[in-house]
């Protein structure tokens, strides 16, 4: 059974940094592209960053380019999202996601709040 467990969220001041982690289990992690999404109150869930199975290709939403970095450690079955220069508009619940033959799988999410 696929499990995705996010951690690392919290309250941070504008301009600060956070590092999110997503621990995966129940599937061959190193074979799959991994995604980070976020959903702010009253808004639709949006794709933030993507990393291919080997980690060689990454893509980002325009709103986070140059500030966020996605990475993965296939030995630890973990994907990360380093978030720098955080802005109030980055406030959201952040979700880890993988799409497999069995469907789209989500973690429970971790809250990130950027506020002074």
C-alpha atoms as a PDB file:
ATOM      1  CA  UNK A   1       0.000   0.000   0.000  1.00  0.00           C
ATOM      2  CA  UNK A   2       1.340   3.381  -1.030  1.00  0.00           C
ATOM      3  CA  UNK A   3       2.093   5.733   1.844  1.00  0.00           C
ATOM      4  CA  UNK A   4       3.372   9.279   1.614  1.00  0.00           C
ATOM      5  CA  UNK A   5       4.142  11.132   4.849  1.00  0.00           C
ATOM      6  CA  UNK A   6       5.026  14.824   4.713  1.00  0.00           C
ATOM      7  CA  UNK A   7       6.825  16.717   7.449  1.00  0.00           C
ATOM      8  CA  UNK A   8       8.695  19.949   8.023  1.00  0.00           C
ATOM      9  CA  UNK A   9       5.939  22.532   7.782  1.00  0.00           C
ATOM     10  CA  UNK A  10       5.425  25.317  10.263  1.00  0.00           C
ATOM     11  CA  UNK A  11       5.222  29.046  10.851  1.00  0.00           C
ATOM     12  CA  UNK A  12       7.978  31.176   9.328  1.00  0.00           C
ATOM     13  CA  UNK A  13       8.493  34.898   8.808  1.00  0.00           C
ATOM     14  CA  UNK A  14       8.592  36.399   5.313  1.00  0.00           C
ATOM     15  CA  UNK A  15      12.025  35.882   3.811  1.00  0.00           C
ATOM     16  CA  UNK A  16      12.617  32.754   5.852  1.00  0.00           C
ATOM     17  CA  UNK A  17      13.217  29.168   4.815  1.00  0.00           C
ATOM     18  CA  UNK A  18      11.717  25.746   5.399  1.00  0.00           C
ATOM     19  CA  UNK A  19      12.589  22.274   4.180  1.00  0.00           C
ATOM     20  CA  UNK A  20       9.754  19.843   3.604  1.00  0.00           C
ATOM     21  CA  UNK A  21      10.261  16.093   3.495  1.00  0.00           C
ATOM     22  CA  UNK A  22       8.068  13.327   2.131  1.00  0.00           C
ATOM     23  CA  UNK A  23       8.834   9.747   3.172  1.00  0.00           C
ATOM     24  CA  UNK A  24       7.455   7.196   0.722  1.00  0.00           C
ATOM     25  CA  UNK A  25       6.720   3.500   1.091  1.00  0.00           C
ATOM     26  CA  UNK A  26       4.725   0.742  -0.554  1.00  0.00           C
ATOM     27  CA  UNK A  27       6.133   1.155  -4.049  1.00  0.00           C
ATOM     28  CA  UNK A  28       9.442   1.274  -5.908  1.00  0.00           C
ATOM     29  CA  UNK A  29      10.230   4.901  -5.139  1.00  0.00           C
ATOM     30  CA  UNK A  30      13.239   5.153  -7.447  1.00  0.00           C
ATOM     31  CA  UNK A  31      11.083   4.321 -10.486  1.00  0.00           C
ATOM     32  CA  UNK A  32       8.643   7.211 -10.235  1.00  0.00           C
ATOM     33  CA  UNK A  33       8.450  10.923 -10.825  1.00  0.00           C
ATOM     34  CA  UNK A  34       7.485  12.706  -7.620  1.00  0.00           C
ATOM     35  CA  UNK A  35       5.497  15.908  -7.264  1.00  0.00           C
ATOM     36  CA  UNK A  36       4.861  18.589  -4.669  1.00  0.00           C
ATOM     37  CA  UNK A  37       1.514  20.391  -4.752  1.00  0.00           C
ATOM     38  CA  UNK A  38       0.022  23.059  -2.538  1.00  0.00           C
ATOM     39  CA  UNK A  39      -3.443  24.302  -1.736  1.00  0.00           C
ATOM     40  CA  UNK A  40      -4.163  27.669  -0.201  1.00  0.00           C
ATOM     41  CA  UNK A  41      -7.500  28.430   1.507  1.00  0.00           C
ATOM     42  CA  UNK A  42     -10.217  28.996  -1.070  1.00  0.00           C
ATOM     43  CA  UNK A  43      -7.960  28.080  -3.975  1.00  0.00           C
ATOM     44  CA  UNK A  44      -7.462  25.037  -6.138  1.00  0.00           C
ATOM     45  CA  UNK A  45      -4.566  22.676  -5.553  1.00  0.00           C
ATOM     46  CA  UNK A  46      -1.608  23.672  -7.738  1.00  0.00           C
ATOM     47  CA  UNK A  47       1.519  21.873  -8.883  1.00  0.00           C
ATOM     48  CA  UNK A  48       4.612  23.415  -7.311  1.00  0.00           C
ATOM     49  CA  UNK A  49       7.517  21.192  -8.375  1.00  0.00           C
ATOM     50  CA  UNK A  50       8.300  17.892 -10.088  1.00  0.00           C
ATOM     51  CA  UNK A  51      11.362  15.662 -10.121  1.00  0.00           C
ATOM     52  CA  UNK A  52      11.961  12.670 -12.369  1.00  0.00           C
ATOM     53  CA  UNK A  53      12.800   9.222 -11.037  1.00  0.00           C
ATOM     54  CA  UNK A  54      16.567   9.640 -11.210  1.00  0.00           C
ATOM     55  CA  UNK A  55      16.488  13.245 -10.138  1.00  0.00           C
ATOM     56  CA  UNK A  56      18.032  14.620 -13.300  1.00  0.00           C
ATOM     57  CA  UNK A  57      15.069  16.711 -14.437  1.00  0.00           C
ATOM     58  CA  UNK A  58      13.085  19.145 -12.325  1.00  0.00           C
ATOM     59  CA  UNK A  59      10.300  21.576 -13.130  1.00  0.00           C
ATOM     60  CA  UNK A  60       8.778  24.391 -11.132  1.00  0.00           C
ATOM     61  CA  UNK A  61       5.753  26.628 -11.129  1.00  0.00           C
ATOM     62  CA  UNK A  62       6.644  30.138 -12.242  1.00  0.00           C
ATOM     63  CA  UNK A  63       5.623  31.468  -8.845  1.00  0.00           C
ATOM     64  CA  UNK A  64       8.391  29.525  -7.053  1.00  0.00           C
ATOM     65  CA  UNK A  65      11.206  29.417  -9.624  1.00  0.00           C
ATOM     66  CA  UNK A  66      14.494  30.558  -8.162  1.00  0.00           C
ATOM     67  CA  UNK A  67      13.210  30.202  -4.588  1.00  0.00           C
ATOM     68  CA  UNK A  68      12.240  26.529  -4.226  1.00  0.00           C
ATOM     69  CA  UNK A  69      14.346  23.452  -4.942  1.00  0.00           C
ATOM     70  CA  UNK A  70      13.032  19.898  -5.233  1.00  0.00           C
ATOM     71  CA  UNK A  71      15.395  16.995  -4.634  1.00  0.00           C
ATOM     72  CA  UNK A  72      15.252  13.323  -3.768  1.00  0.00           C
ATOM     73  CA  UNK A  73      17.245  10.622  -2.042  1.00  0.00           C
ATOM     74  CA  UNK A  74      16.334   7.289  -3.588  1.00  0.00           C
ATOM     75  CA  UNK A  75      18.315   5.401  -0.944  1.00  0.00           C
ATOM     76  CA  UNK A  76      16.045   6.906   1.715  1.00  0.00           C
ATOM     77  CA  UNK A  77      12.806   6.861  -0.339  1.00  0.00           C
ATOM     78  CA  UNK A  78      12.403  10.552   0.401  1.00  0.00           C
ATOM     79  CA  UNK A  79      11.673  13.641  -1.646  1.00  0.00           C
ATOM     80  CA  UNK A  80      12.401  17.134  -0.355  1.00  0.00           C
ATOM     81  CA  UNK A  81      11.273  20.671  -1.061  1.00  0.00           C
ATOM     82  CA  UNK A  82      13.677  23.390   0.033  1.00  0.00           C
ATOM     83  CA  UNK A  83      11.800  26.677   0.230  1.00  0.00           C
ATOM     84  CA  UNK A  84      13.747  29.931   0.508  1.00  0.00           C
ATOM     85  CA  UNK A  85      12.724  33.585   0.442  1.00  0.00           C
ATOM     86  CA  UNK A  86       9.238  32.615   1.545  1.00  0.00           C
ATOM     87  CA  UNK A  87       6.372  35.012   0.938  1.00  0.00           C
ATOM     88  CA  UNK A  88       2.946  35.280   2.576  1.00  0.00           C
ATOM     89  CA  UNK A  89       1.416  34.001  -0.655  1.00  0.00           C
ATOM     90  CA  UNK A  90       3.304  30.719  -0.170  1.00  0.00           C
ATOM     91  CA  UNK A  91       1.007  29.973   2.774  1.00  0.00           C
ATOM     92  CA  UNK A  92      -0.754  26.693   2.005  1.00  0.00           C
ATOM     93  CA  UNK A  93      -0.980  23.022   2.807  1.00  0.00           C
ATOM     94  CA  UNK A  94       1.785  21.254   0.888  1.00  0.00           C
ATOM     95  CA  UNK A  95       1.209  17.744  -0.441  1.00  0.00           C
ATOM     96  CA  UNK A  96       3.481  15.055  -1.795  1.00  0.00           C
ATOM     97  CA  UNK A  97       2.140  13.128  -4.799  1.00  0.00           C
ATOM     98  CA  UNK A  98       2.963  10.170  -6.996  1.00  0.00           C
ATOM     99  CA  UNK A  99       1.043   8.892 -10.007  1.00  0.00           C
ATOM    100  CA  UNK A 100       1.173   5.148 -10.572  1.00  0.00           C
ATOM    101  CA  UNK A 101      -0.802   2.600 -12.555  1.00  0.00           C
ATOM    102  CA  UNK A 102      -3.053   2.302  -9.506  1.00  0.00           C
ATOM    103  CA  UNK A 103      -3.900   5.994  -9.539  1.00  0.00           C
ATOM    104  CA  UNK A 104      -2.800   9.256  -7.989  1.00  0.00           C
ATOM    105  CA  UNK A 105      -1.600   8.972  -4.392  1.00  0.00           C
ATOM    106  CA  UNK A 106      -1.391  11.784  -1.843  1.00  0.00           C
ATOM    107  CA  UNK A 107       0.043  12.351   1.585  1.00  0.00           C
ATOM    108  CA  UNK A 108      -1.890  14.016   4.404  1.00  0.00           C
ATOM    109  CA  UNK A 109      -0.202  17.351   3.798  1.00  0.00           C
ATOM    110  CA  UNK A 110       1.852  19.695   5.944  1.00  0.00           C
ATOM    111  CA  UNK A 111       0.836  23.273   6.743  1.00  0.00           C
ATOM    112  CA  UNK A 112       3.188  26.100   5.816  1.00  0.00           C
ATOM    113  CA  UNK A 113       2.303  29.544   7.146  1.00  0.00           C
ATOM    114  CA  UNK A 114       4.349  32.598   6.186  1.00  0.00           C
ATOM    115  CA  UNK A 115       3.519  35.528   8.418  1.00  0.00           C
ATOM    116  CA  UNK A 116       5.152  38.187  10.528  1.00  0.00           C
END
